[in-house]
Structure formats: structure tokens, C-alpha cells
Amino acid sequence: MRYVWDEQKNTLLKQTRDISFAEIMLAIEDQKVVAVFDHPNQAKYKGQIFILVEVTNYVYVVPAEIRADKCLLKTIYPSRKYTKQYLGKD
């Protein structure tokens, strides 16, 4: 599967959250995916999934959409909730 993303969004994420889609891709390749499941709010985000990825001992949520042979990465945000749930850390 091929991963794609919006370069403007990537630039914004680097500036505001100090993380990029490239870093997420490296973590995915290093098998740092913690979990993958349907977006909890399918009424609003139909067809989206959450990819939970561990980066530097913290879990990041990466909402995404699967389209044909592509996975469109939407954004990245750190999650205290999922870090505690999956890594046992606060």
C-alpha cells in the first residue's frame, strides 16, 4: 500500500507539532504501529481509520482513509489517552 498526504498539511504539522508524515512513515516501517481501528465517530468521519503509532515513547493518532491502493494520511496528533492505554505511561 502506498501512503500519501498533503504537503501543506505536512509543513503545518512540522511547524506546530514538531512531527511530520515522514517521521510517521519511518515509525510504520520500523513496526511501531500500536493499533489500527475504525474512527470512533463514523457518523462524522465515515470510512476513516485511526492508525496509532509510537514515536519517541509516545502514541500519536494518525487519522487516515483507505482509497483503492492508497492510504491518505489526514493529520497527526499526540494522544495522552492512547499512550497511557497502550504504553502504560502518563
N, C-alpha and C. Protein backbone atom coordinates (compact mmCIF):
# COMPACT_ATOMS: atom_id res chain seq x y z
N MET A 1 0.84 -1.18 0.00
CA MET A 1 0.00 0.00 0.00
C MET A 1 0.89 1.25 0.00
N ARG A 2 0.44 2.23 -0.72
CA ARG A 2 1.17 3.49 -0.84
C ARG A 2 0.53 4.52 0.09
N TYR A 3 1.36 5.25 0.84
CA TYR A 3 0.88 6.29 1.74
C TYR A 3 1.05 7.65 1.08
N VAL A 4 0.01 8.48 1.16
CA VAL A 4 0.06 9.83 0.58
C VAL A 4 -0.46 10.83 1.61
N TRP A 5 -0.08 12.09 1.41
CA TRP A 5 -0.52 13.16 2.30
C TRP A 5 -0.40 14.50 1.62
N ASP A 6 -1.00 15.50 2.22
CA ASP A 6 -0.97 16.87 1.73
C ASP A 6 0.31 17.54 2.24
N GLU A 7 1.14 18.04 1.32
CA GLU A 7 2.41 18.65 1.70
C GLU A 7 2.22 19.92 2.53
N GLN A 8 1.18 20.70 2.25
CA GLN A 8 0.92 21.90 3.06
C GLN A 8 0.60 21.50 4.49
N LYS A 9 -0.19 20.45 4.66
CA LYS A 9 -0.51 19.96 6.00
C LYS A 9 0.75 19.46 6.69
N ASN A 10 1.62 18.81 5.95
CA ASN A 10 2.88 18.31 6.49
C ASN A 10 3.74 19.46 7.02
N THR A 11 3.83 20.52 6.25
CA THR A 11 4.59 21.71 6.67
C THR A 11 4.00 22.30 7.94
N LEU A 12 2.68 22.41 7.98
CA LEU A 12 2.00 22.94 9.16
C LEU A 12 2.25 22.06 10.39
N LEU A 13 2.21 20.75 10.22
CA LEU A 13 2.46 19.84 11.33
C LEU A 13 3.89 19.98 11.85
N LYS A 14 4.85 20.15 10.95
CA LYS A 14 6.24 20.34 11.37
C LYS A 14 6.37 21.61 12.20
N GLN A 15 5.70 22.67 11.78
CA GLN A 15 5.79 23.96 12.48
C GLN A 15 5.05 23.95 13.81
N THR A 16 3.87 23.33 13.86
CA THR A 16 3.03 23.44 15.05
C THR A 16 3.15 22.27 16.02
N ARG A 17 3.47 21.08 15.53
CA ARG A 17 3.51 19.90 16.41
C ARG A 17 4.86 19.20 16.41
N ASP A 18 5.80 19.74 15.65
CA ASP A 18 7.16 19.21 15.60
C ASP A 18 7.20 17.73 15.22
N ILE A 19 6.33 17.35 14.29
CA ILE A 19 6.32 15.98 13.75
C ILE A 19 5.88 16.05 12.29
N SER A 20 6.29 15.08 11.50
CA SER A 20 5.93 15.08 10.08
C SER A 20 5.43 13.71 9.66
N PHE A 21 4.80 13.69 8.50
CA PHE A 21 4.34 12.41 7.95
C PHE A 21 5.52 11.50 7.64
N ALA A 22 6.67 12.07 7.29
CA ALA A 22 7.86 11.26 7.02
C ALA A 22 8.30 10.51 8.29
N GLU A 23 8.23 11.18 9.44
CA GLU A 23 8.57 10.52 10.70
C GLU A 23 7.59 9.38 11.00
N ILE A 24 6.31 9.62 10.71
CA ILE A 24 5.30 8.58 10.90
C ILE A 24 5.60 7.40 9.99
N MET A 25 5.97 7.67 8.75
CA MET A 25 6.30 6.60 7.80
C MET A 25 7.48 5.77 8.30
N LEU A 26 8.51 6.43 8.83
CA LEU A 26 9.66 5.70 9.38
C LEU A 26 9.23 4.81 10.55
N ALA A 27 8.37 5.33 11.40
CA ALA A 27 7.88 4.55 12.54
C ALA A 27 7.06 3.35 12.06
N ILE A 28 6.23 3.56 11.03
CA ILE A 28 5.45 2.45 10.47
C ILE A 28 6.38 1.39 9.90
N GLU A 29 7.41 1.81 9.17
CA GLU A 29 8.37 0.87 8.59
C GLU A 29 9.14 0.13 9.68
N ASP A 30 9.37 0.80 10.83
CA ASP A 30 10.06 0.18 11.97
C ASP A 30 9.11 -0.64 12.84
N GLN A 31 7.90 -0.85 12.34
CA GLN A 31 6.88 -1.66 13.02
C GLN A 31 6.49 -1.10 14.38
N LYS A 32 6.32 0.23 14.43
CA LYS A 32 5.91 0.92 15.65
C LYS A 32 4.41 1.20 15.67
N VAL A 33 3.65 0.52 14.82
CA VAL A 33 2.19 0.69 14.83
C VAL A 33 1.66 -0.05 16.06
N VAL A 34 0.95 0.68 16.90
CA VAL A 34 0.42 0.13 18.14
C VAL A 34 -0.95 -0.51 17.91
N ALA A 35 -1.78 0.16 17.09
CA ALA A 35 -3.13 -0.35 16.80
C ALA A 35 -3.68 0.35 15.57
N VAL A 36 -4.65 -0.30 14.94
CA VAL A 36 -5.40 0.28 13.81
C VAL A 36 -6.86 -0.09 14.03
N PHE A 37 -7.74 0.91 14.01
CA PHE A 37 -9.16 0.64 14.18
C PHE A 37 -9.99 1.74 13.52
N ASP A 38 -11.28 1.48 13.34
CA ASP A 38 -12.17 2.46 12.74
C ASP A 38 -12.24 3.71 13.60
N HIS A 39 -12.35 4.86 12.93
CA HIS A 39 -12.53 6.13 13.64
C HIS A 39 -13.73 5.98 14.57
N PRO A 40 -13.61 6.39 15.84
CA PRO A 40 -14.72 6.23 16.79
C PRO A 40 -16.00 6.96 16.38
N ASN A 41 -15.89 8.02 15.58
CA ASN A 41 -17.07 8.79 15.16
C ASN A 41 -17.34 8.55 13.67
N GLN A 42 -17.84 7.37 13.34
CA GLN A 42 -18.10 7.03 11.94
C GLN A 42 -19.25 7.85 11.35
N ALA A 43 -20.12 8.40 12.19
CA ALA A 43 -21.20 9.25 11.68
C ALA A 43 -20.63 10.49 11.01
N LYS A 44 -19.58 11.05 11.59
CA LYS A 44 -18.98 12.27 11.05
C LYS A 44 -17.80 11.96 10.11
N TYR A 45 -17.06 10.91 10.41
CA TYR A 45 -15.85 10.58 9.65
C TYR A 45 -15.97 9.19 9.03
N LYS A 46 -16.99 9.00 8.23
CA LYS A 46 -17.30 7.71 7.62
C LYS A 46 -16.11 7.19 6.82
N GLY A 47 -15.74 5.96 7.10
CA GLY A 47 -14.66 5.32 6.36
C GLY A 47 -13.26 5.61 6.86
N GLN A 48 -13.12 6.54 7.80
CA GLN A 48 -11.79 6.85 8.31
C GLN A 48 -11.36 5.81 9.34
N ILE A 49 -10.06 5.63 9.42
CA ILE A 49 -9.47 4.76 10.43
C ILE A 49 -8.49 5.57 11.28
N PHE A 50 -8.17 5.04 12.44
CA PHE A 50 -7.11 5.59 13.29
C PHE A 50 -5.93 4.63 13.19
N ILE A 51 -4.76 5.16 12.89
CA ILE A 51 -3.52 4.40 12.98
C ILE A 51 -2.79 4.98 14.18
N LEU A 52 -2.53 4.16 15.19
CA LEU A 52 -1.81 4.61 16.37
C LEU A 52 -0.36 4.19 16.21
N VAL A 53 0.54 5.19 16.28
CA VAL A 53 1.95 4.96 16.02
C VAL A 53 2.78 5.47 17.19
N GLU A 54 3.73 4.66 17.64
CA GLU A 54 4.62 5.08 18.72
C GLU A 54 5.83 5.80 18.13
N VAL A 55 6.02 7.03 18.58
CA VAL A 55 7.18 7.83 18.17
C VAL A 55 7.78 8.41 19.44
N THR A 56 9.06 8.14 19.68
CA THR A 56 9.77 8.60 20.88
C THR A 56 8.97 8.38 22.16
N ASN A 57 8.54 7.15 22.36
CA ASN A 57 7.84 6.72 23.58
C ASN A 57 6.52 7.43 23.83
N TYR A 58 5.86 7.85 22.77
CA TYR A 58 4.55 8.49 22.88
C TYR A 58 3.68 8.00 21.73
N VAL A 59 2.39 7.87 21.96
CA VAL A 59 1.49 7.40 20.90
C VAL A 59 0.86 8.59 20.18
N TYR A 60 0.97 8.57 18.86
CA TYR A 60 0.36 9.58 18.01
C TYR A 60 -0.79 8.95 17.24
N VAL A 61 -1.87 9.70 17.11
CA VAL A 61 -3.02 9.26 16.33
C VAL A 61 -2.88 9.83 14.93
N VAL A 62 -3.04 8.97 13.94
CA VAL A 62 -2.98 9.38 12.54
C VAL A 62 -4.29 8.95 11.87
N PRO A 63 -5.27 9.87 11.79
CA PRO A 63 -6.49 9.55 11.05
C PRO A 63 -6.16 9.37 9.57
N ALA A 64 -6.77 8.39 8.93
CA ALA A 64 -6.46 8.10 7.53
C ALA A 64 -7.68 7.52 6.82
N GLU A 65 -7.62 7.57 5.49
CA GLU A 65 -8.64 6.96 4.64
C GLU A 65 -7.97 6.03 3.65
N ILE A 66 -8.53 4.84 3.49
CA ILE A 66 -8.03 3.89 2.50
C ILE A 66 -8.82 4.11 1.22
N ARG A 67 -8.10 4.40 0.14
CA ARG A 67 -8.73 4.62 -1.17
C ARG A 67 -7.98 3.79 -2.22
N ALA A 68 -8.64 2.77 -2.71
CA ALA A 68 -8.04 1.86 -3.70
C ALA A 68 -6.72 1.33 -3.15
N ASP A 69 -5.60 1.69 -3.78
CA ASP A 69 -4.29 1.19 -3.34
C ASP A 69 -3.53 2.22 -2.52
N LYS A 70 -4.22 3.29 -2.06
CA LYS A 70 -3.56 4.36 -1.32
C LYS A 70 -4.15 4.51 0.08
N CYS A 71 -3.30 4.96 0.98
CA CYS A 71 -3.74 5.33 2.33
C CYS A 71 -3.45 6.82 2.49
N LEU A 72 -4.51 7.63 2.55
CA LEU A 72 -4.38 9.08 2.68
C LEU A 72 -4.30 9.44 4.15
N LEU A 73 -3.12 9.91 4.58
CA LEU A 73 -2.92 10.34 5.96
C LEU A 73 -3.46 11.75 6.11
N LYS A 74 -4.34 11.96 7.09
CA LYS A 74 -5.04 13.24 7.24
C LYS A 74 -4.29 14.23 8.12
N THR A 75 -3.89 13.80 9.31
CA THR A 75 -3.19 14.66 10.26
C THR A 75 -2.49 13.78 11.28
N ILE A 76 -1.83 14.41 12.24
CA ILE A 76 -1.13 13.69 13.31
C ILE A 76 -1.34 14.47 14.59
N TYR A 77 -1.69 13.77 15.66
CA TYR A 77 -1.72 14.46 16.95
C TYR A 77 -1.34 13.50 18.08
N PRO A 78 -0.65 14.02 19.09
CA PRO A 78 -0.25 13.19 20.22
C PRO A 78 -1.47 12.85 21.08
N SER A 79 -1.46 11.68 21.67
CA SER A 79 -2.59 11.26 22.49
C SER A 79 -2.14 10.73 23.85
N ARG A 80 -2.43 11.50 24.88
CA ARG A 80 -2.13 11.07 26.25
C ARG A 80 -2.96 9.82 26.58
N LYS A 81 -4.23 9.82 26.14
CA LYS A 81 -5.14 8.69 26.41
C LYS A 81 -4.58 7.38 25.86
N TYR A 82 -4.20 7.37 24.58
CA TYR A 82 -3.70 6.14 23.97
C TYR A 82 -2.29 5.79 24.44
N THR A 83 -1.49 6.78 24.81
CA THR A 83 -0.16 6.50 25.37
C THR A 83 -0.33 5.74 26.68
N LYS A 84 -1.24 6.21 27.51
CA LYS A 84 -1.49 5.53 28.79
C LYS A 84 -2.07 4.13 28.55
N GLN A 85 -3.02 4.04 27.62
CA GLN A 85 -3.69 2.76 27.35
C GLN A 85 -2.74 1.72 26.77
N TYR A 86 -1.91 2.11 25.80
CA TYR A 86 -1.09 1.13 25.09
C TYR A 86 0.34 1.01 25.61
N LEU A 87 0.89 2.09 26.19
CA LEU A 87 2.26 2.03 26.68
C LEU A 87 2.35 2.06 28.20
N GLY A 88 1.22 2.30 28.86
CA GLY A 88 1.20 2.33 30.32
C GLY A 88 1.88 3.55 30.91
N LYS A 89 1.95 4.64 30.13
CA LYS A 89 2.61 5.86 30.59
C LYS A 89 1.61 7.00 30.63
N ASP A 90 1.90 8.00 31.47
CA ASP A 90 1.05 9.20 31.53
C ASP A 90 1.56 10.26 30.60
